C-alpha atoms as a PDB file:
ATOM      1  CA  MET A   1     -33.315   7.641   8.995  1.00  0.00           C
ATOM      2  CA  GLN A   2     -31.201  10.316   8.220  1.00  0.00           C
ATOM      3  CA  ALA A   3     -28.149   7.813   7.313  1.00  0.00           C
ATOM      4  CA  LYS A   4     -30.900   6.436   4.298  1.00  0.00           C
ATOM      5  CA  ALA A   5     -31.668   9.884   3.331  1.00  0.00           C
ATOM      6  CA  ILE A   6     -28.144  11.298   3.124  1.00  0.00           C
ATOM      7  CA  ILE A   7     -27.325   7.777  -0.071  1.00  0.00           C
ATOM      8  CA  LYS A   8     -30.443   7.828  -1.476  1.00  0.00           C
ATOM      9  CA  SER A   9     -30.081  11.659  -1.969  1.00  0.00           C
ATOM     10  CA  HIS A  10     -26.210  10.889  -3.144  1.00  0.00           C
ATOM     11  CA  TYR A  11     -25.777   7.924  -5.089  1.00  0.00           C
ATOM     12  CA  VAL A  12     -24.929   8.439  -7.970  1.00  0.00           C
ATOM     13  CA  ALA A  13     -21.949  10.342  -6.175  1.00  0.00           C
ATOM     14  CA  ILE A  14     -21.663   7.158  -4.269  1.00  0.00           C
ATOM     15  CA  LEU A  15     -22.126   4.833  -7.578  1.00  0.00           C
ATOM     16  CA  LEU A  16     -19.541   7.048  -9.952  1.00  0.00           C
ATOM     17  CA  ALA A  17     -17.115   6.469  -6.501  1.00  0.00           C
ATOM     18  CA  VAL A  18     -17.197   3.189  -6.617  1.00  0.00           C
ATOM     19  CA  ILE A  19     -16.538   2.957 -10.181  1.00  0.00           C
ATOM     20  CA  VAL A  20     -13.204   5.591 -10.115  1.00  0.00           C
ATOM     21  CA  GLY A  21     -12.299   2.703  -6.798  1.00  0.00           C
ATOM     22  CA  VAL A  22     -12.431  -0.469  -9.419  1.00  0.00           C
ATOM     23  CA  ILE A  23     -11.009   1.510 -12.000  1.00  0.00           C
ATOM     24  CA  SER A  24      -7.836   1.892  -9.966  1.00  0.00           C
ATOM     25  CA  VAL A  25      -7.814  -1.441  -8.641  1.00  0.00           C
ATOM     26  CA  ALA A  26      -8.576  -2.711 -12.176  1.00  0.00           C
ATOM     27  CA  PRO A  27      -5.033  -3.935 -13.123  1.00  0.00           C
ATOM     28  CA  GLN A  28      -4.126  -5.200  -9.619  1.00  0.00           C
ATOM     29  CA  ILE A  29      -7.536  -8.102  -9.732  1.00  0.00           C
ATOM     30  CA  TYR A  30      -6.835  -8.916 -13.021  1.00  0.00           C
ATOM     31  CA  VAL A  31      -3.078  -9.897 -12.363  1.00  0.00           C
ATOM     32  CA  LEU A  32      -4.612 -11.555  -8.795  1.00  0.00           C
ATOM     33  CA  LYS A  33      -6.985 -13.639 -10.550  1.00  0.00           C
ATOM     34  CA  ASP A  34      -4.790 -14.683 -13.890  1.00  0.00           C
ATOM     35  CA  ARG A  35      -4.708 -18.433 -13.651  1.00  0.00           C
ATOM     36  CA  SER A  36      -1.303 -17.784 -14.943  1.00  0.00           C
ATOM     37  CA  TYR A  37      -0.267 -15.911 -11.730  1.00  0.00           C
ATOM     38  CA  GLN A  38       2.871 -17.001 -10.781  1.00  0.00           C
ATOM     39  CA  GLY A  39       3.296 -15.302  -7.604  1.00  0.00           C
ATOM     40  CA  ILE A  40       4.511 -12.134  -9.042  1.00  0.00           C
ATOM     41  CA  GLN A  41       2.291  -9.159  -7.891  1.00  0.00           C
ATOM     42  CA  MET A  42       2.054  -5.667 -10.461  1.00  0.00           C
ATOM     43  CA  PHE A  43       2.620  -2.989  -8.742  1.00  0.00           C
ATOM     44  CA  GLY A  44       2.865   0.485  -9.927  1.00  0.00           C
ATOM     45  CA  THR A  45       6.176   2.154  -8.398  1.00  0.00           C
ATOM     46  CA  ASP A  46       9.474   1.242  -8.289  1.00  0.00           C
ATOM     47  CA  ALA A  47       9.214   1.676  -3.891  1.00  0.00           C
ATOM     48  CA  GLU A  48       6.501  -0.374  -3.732  1.00  0.00           C
ATOM     49  CA  TYR A  49       7.880  -3.294  -2.862  1.00  0.00           C
ATOM     50  CA  PHE A  50      10.368  -1.482  -0.652  1.00  0.00           C
ATOM     51  CA  TYR A  51       7.219  -0.173   0.903  1.00  0.00           C
ATOM     52  CA  ILE A  52       4.846  -3.678   1.142  1.00  0.00           C
ATOM     53  CA  GLY A  53       7.925  -5.251   2.535  1.00  0.00           C
ATOM     54  CA  ARG A  54       7.959  -2.615   5.554  1.00  0.00           C
ATOM     55  CA  VAL A  55       4.428  -3.879   5.624  1.00  0.00           C
ATOM     56  CA  ASN A  56       5.060  -7.138   6.118  1.00  0.00           C
ATOM     57  CA  ARG A  57       7.470  -6.141   8.670  1.00  0.00           C
ATOM     58  CA  ALA A  58       4.921  -4.598  11.440  1.00  0.00           C
ATOM     59  CA  LEU A  59       2.193  -7.450  10.441  1.00  0.00           C
ATOM     60  CA  TYR A  60       4.796 -10.102  12.004  1.00  0.00           C
ATOM     61  CA  GLU A  61       6.741  -7.718  14.308  1.00  0.00           C
ATOM     62  CA  ASP A  62       5.536  -7.545  17.944  1.00  0.00           C
ATOM     63  CA  TYR A  63       5.532  -3.685  18.950  1.00  0.00           C
ATOM     64  CA  SER A  64       4.101  -4.610  22.896  1.00  0.00           C
ATOM     65  CA  GLY A  65       7.082  -3.310  24.447  1.00  0.00           C
ATOM     66  CA  GLY A  66       6.753   0.310  22.827  1.00  0.00           C
ATOM     67  CA  PRO A  67       7.913   1.453  20.212  1.00  0.00           C
ATOM     68  CA  PHE A  68      11.854   1.130  20.367  1.00  0.00           C
ATOM     69  CA  PRO A  69      12.800  -2.948  21.727  1.00  0.00           C
ATOM     70  CA  LEU A  70      14.577  -2.287  24.267  1.00  0.00           C
ATOM     71  CA  ASP A  71      18.955  -2.074  23.278  1.00  0.00           C
ATOM     72  CA  PRO A  72      21.144  -2.878  25.171  1.00  0.00           C
ATOM     73  CA  GLY A  73      23.736  -0.485  22.594  1.00  0.00           C
ATOM     74  CA  ARG A  74      22.144   3.234  21.654  1.00  0.00           C
ATOM     75  CA  ASN A  75      21.873   1.459  18.548  1.00  0.00           C
ATOM     76  CA  TYR A  76      18.005   2.230  18.243  1.00  0.00           C
ATOM     77  CA  TYR A  77      16.837   1.037  14.944  1.00  0.00           C
ATOM     78  CA  LEU A  78      13.661   2.538  13.624  1.00  0.00           C
ATOM     79  CA  VAL A  79      10.273   0.697  13.825  1.00  0.00           C
ATOM     80  CA  PRO A  80       7.899   0.904  10.677  1.00  0.00           C
ATOM     81  CA  LYS A  81       5.682   4.199  11.031  1.00  0.00           C
ATOM     82  CA  LEU A  82       2.299   4.550  11.270  1.00  0.00           C
ATOM     83  CA  GLY A  83       0.666   4.511   7.581  1.00  0.00           C
ATOM     84  CA  GLU A  84       2.406   0.319   7.421  1.00  0.00           C
ATOM     85  CA  ARG A  85       1.234  -0.491  11.334  1.00  0.00           C
ATOM     86  CA  MET A  86      -2.069   0.631   9.780  1.00  0.00           C
ATOM     87  CA  MET A  87      -2.093  -1.373   6.487  1.00  0.00           C
ATOM     88  CA  ALA A  88      -0.726  -3.874   9.368  1.00  0.00           C
ATOM     89  CA  VAL A  89      -4.070  -3.537  11.345  1.00  0.00           C
ATOM     90  CA  PHE A  90      -6.255  -3.864   9.296  1.00  0.00           C
ATOM     91  CA  ALA A  91      -4.506  -7.243   7.787  1.00  0.00           C
ATOM     92  CA  ASN A  92      -4.717  -8.817  10.989  1.00  0.00           C
ATOM     93  CA  ILE A  93      -8.161  -8.042  11.479  1.00  0.00           C
ATOM     94  CA  PHE A  94      -9.149  -8.921   7.972  1.00  0.00           C
ATOM     95  CA  HIS A  95      -6.340 -12.018   8.011  1.00  0.00           C
ATOM     96  CA  ILE A  96      -4.845 -11.608   4.816  1.00  0.00           C
ATOM     97  CA  GLY A  97      -1.770 -10.474   3.869  1.00  0.00           C
ATOM     98  CA  ALA A  98       0.034  -7.584   3.214  1.00  0.00           C
ATOM     99  CA  VAL A  99      -0.293  -7.701  -0.837  1.00  0.00           C
ATOM    100  CA  GLU A 100      -4.087  -7.805  -0.354  1.00  0.00           C
ATOM    101  CA  VAL A 101      -3.558  -5.387   2.436  1.00  0.00           C
ATOM    102  CA  ASN A 102      -2.527  -3.027  -0.030  1.00  0.00           C
ATOM    103  CA  VAL A 103      -4.814  -4.005  -3.004  1.00  0.00           C
ATOM    104  CA  ALA A 104      -7.717  -3.301  -0.685  1.00  0.00           C
ATOM    105  CA  LEU A 105      -6.467   0.003  -0.140  1.00  0.00           C
ATOM    106  CA  LYS A 106      -5.661   1.351  -3.474  1.00  0.00           C
ATOM    107  CA  PHE A 107      -9.966   0.282  -4.055  1.00  0.00           C
ATOM    108  CA  LEU A 108     -10.572   2.692  -0.983  1.00  0.00           C
ATOM    109  CA  GLY A 109      -8.278   5.291  -1.271  1.00  0.00           C
ATOM    110  CA  PRO A 110      -9.654   6.539  -4.361  1.00  0.00           C
ATOM    111  CA  LEU A 111     -13.373   5.917  -3.350  1.00  0.00           C
ATOM    112  CA  VAL A 112     -12.892   7.621   0.203  1.00  0.00           C
ATOM    113  CA  LEU A 113     -11.049  10.675  -1.782  1.00  0.00           C
ATOM    114  CA  PHE A 114     -13.607  10.764  -4.946  1.00  0.00           C
ATOM    115  CA  LEU A 115     -16.518  11.092  -1.467  1.00  0.00           C
ATOM    116  CA  ILE A 116     -15.281  13.892  -0.139  1.00  0.00           C
ATOM    117  CA  LEU A 117     -14.404  16.203  -3.635  1.00  0.00           C
ATOM    118  CA  TYR A 118     -18.254  15.652  -4.040  1.00  0.00           C
ATOM    119  CA  PHE A 119     -19.344  16.805  -0.773  1.00  0.00           C
ATOM    120  CA  TRP A 120     -16.498  19.477  -0.686  1.00  0.00           C
ATOM    121  CA  ILE A 121     -16.866  20.950  -4.070  1.00  0.00           C
ATOM    122  CA  LEU A 122     -20.921  20.381  -3.358  1.00  0.00           C
ATOM    123  CA  GLU A 123     -20.997  22.405   0.113  1.00  0.00           C
ATOM    124  CA  MET A 124     -18.856  24.971  -2.324  1.00  0.00           C
ATOM    125  CA  PHE A 125     -21.074  25.366  -5.704  1.00  0.00           C
ATOM    126  CA  SER A 126     -24.124  24.274  -4.912  1.00  0.00           C
ATOM    127  CA  SER A 127     -24.592  22.289  -8.156  1.00  0.00           C
ATOM    128  CA  LYS A 128     -24.644  18.153  -8.184  1.00  0.00           C
ATOM    129  CA  SER A 129     -24.015  18.858 -11.387  1.00  0.00           C
ATOM    130  CA  VAL A 130     -20.424  20.140 -10.751  1.00  0.00           C
ATOM    131  CA  ALA A 131     -19.860  18.332  -7.532  1.00  0.00           C
ATOM    132  CA  LEU A 132     -20.138  14.616  -9.542  1.00  0.00           C
ATOM    133  CA  ILE A 133     -17.808  16.206 -12.527  1.00  0.00           C
ATOM    134  CA  ALA A 134     -14.986  18.340 -11.035  1.00  0.00           C
ATOM    135  CA  PRO A 135     -13.884  15.032  -9.270  1.00  0.00           C
ATOM    136  CA  LEU A 136     -13.793  12.588 -11.832  1.00  0.00           C
ATOM    137  CA  PHE A 137     -12.141  15.324 -13.701  1.00  0.00           C
ATOM    138  CA  MET A 138      -9.131  15.821 -10.596  1.00  0.00           C
ATOM    139  CA  MET A 139      -8.767  12.138 -10.127  1.00  0.00           C
ATOM    140  CA  LEU A 140      -8.987   9.858 -14.077  1.00  0.00           C
ATOM    141  CA  GLY A 141      -8.473  13.794 -15.609  1.00  0.00           C
ATOM    142  CA  ILE A 142      -4.649  13.392 -16.144  1.00  0.00           C
ATOM    143  CA  ASN A 143      -4.905  10.261 -18.816  1.00  0.00           C
ATOM    144  CA  LEU A 144      -8.107  12.037 -20.583  1.00  0.00           C
ATOM    145  CA  LEU A 145      -6.204  15.768 -21.115  1.00  0.00           C
ATOM    146  CA  ASN A 146      -2.131  13.697 -21.536  1.00  0.00           C
ATOM    147  CA  PRO A 147      -0.737  15.210 -24.493  1.00  0.00           C
ATOM    148  CA  THR A 148       1.875  12.767 -25.758  1.00  0.00           C
ATOM    149  CA  ASP A 149      -1.706  10.298 -25.155  1.00  0.00           C
ATOM    150  CA  PHE A 150      -4.395  12.110 -27.584  1.00  0.00           C
ATOM    151  CA  PHE A 151      -1.055  13.020 -30.051  1.00  0.00           C
ATOM    152  CA  ARG A 152      -0.165   8.851 -30.100  1.00  0.00           C
ATOM    153  CA  PHE A 153      -4.334   8.287 -30.412  1.00  0.00           C
ATOM    154  CA  SER A 154      -4.564  10.599 -32.963  1.00  0.00           C
ATOM    155  CA  LEU A 155      -2.105   8.611 -34.893  1.00  0.00           C
ATOM    156  CA  PHE A 156      -4.191   5.670 -35.161  1.00  0.00           C
ATOM    157  CA  LYS A 157      -6.501   7.325 -37.111  1.00  0.00           C
END
């Protein structure tokens, strides 16, 4: 019953966290659900192709023998790091690909981060309004307070 009480008393924060998660992942979902989508994923950074490749490698390799495969020489190659392996575990659990796991975690990451910031600020200031507004400005504020965007917006008046 305590979980219901926590959800009931913080439902606005949970709703705002979901909205922040949707805003973060909306461009990727739009591209994935578009009828003219030809298989080229829209990514946010230039290194994301490399990262998804490493997740895909971790998804299809067998690590039952340990972190380093047996090699007759002394050339140990590095296996994917823990983050890529965790994403591969999620992909195996839910039977989805590396791109879909990446998109799902682009939603869940900001959602969880918003809730962590909300509860931390609520604990610090004991004000729900401050705790609701501060994570919004922390996570979405770079788009609101960027002077170059404001200057471009003022040119259209």
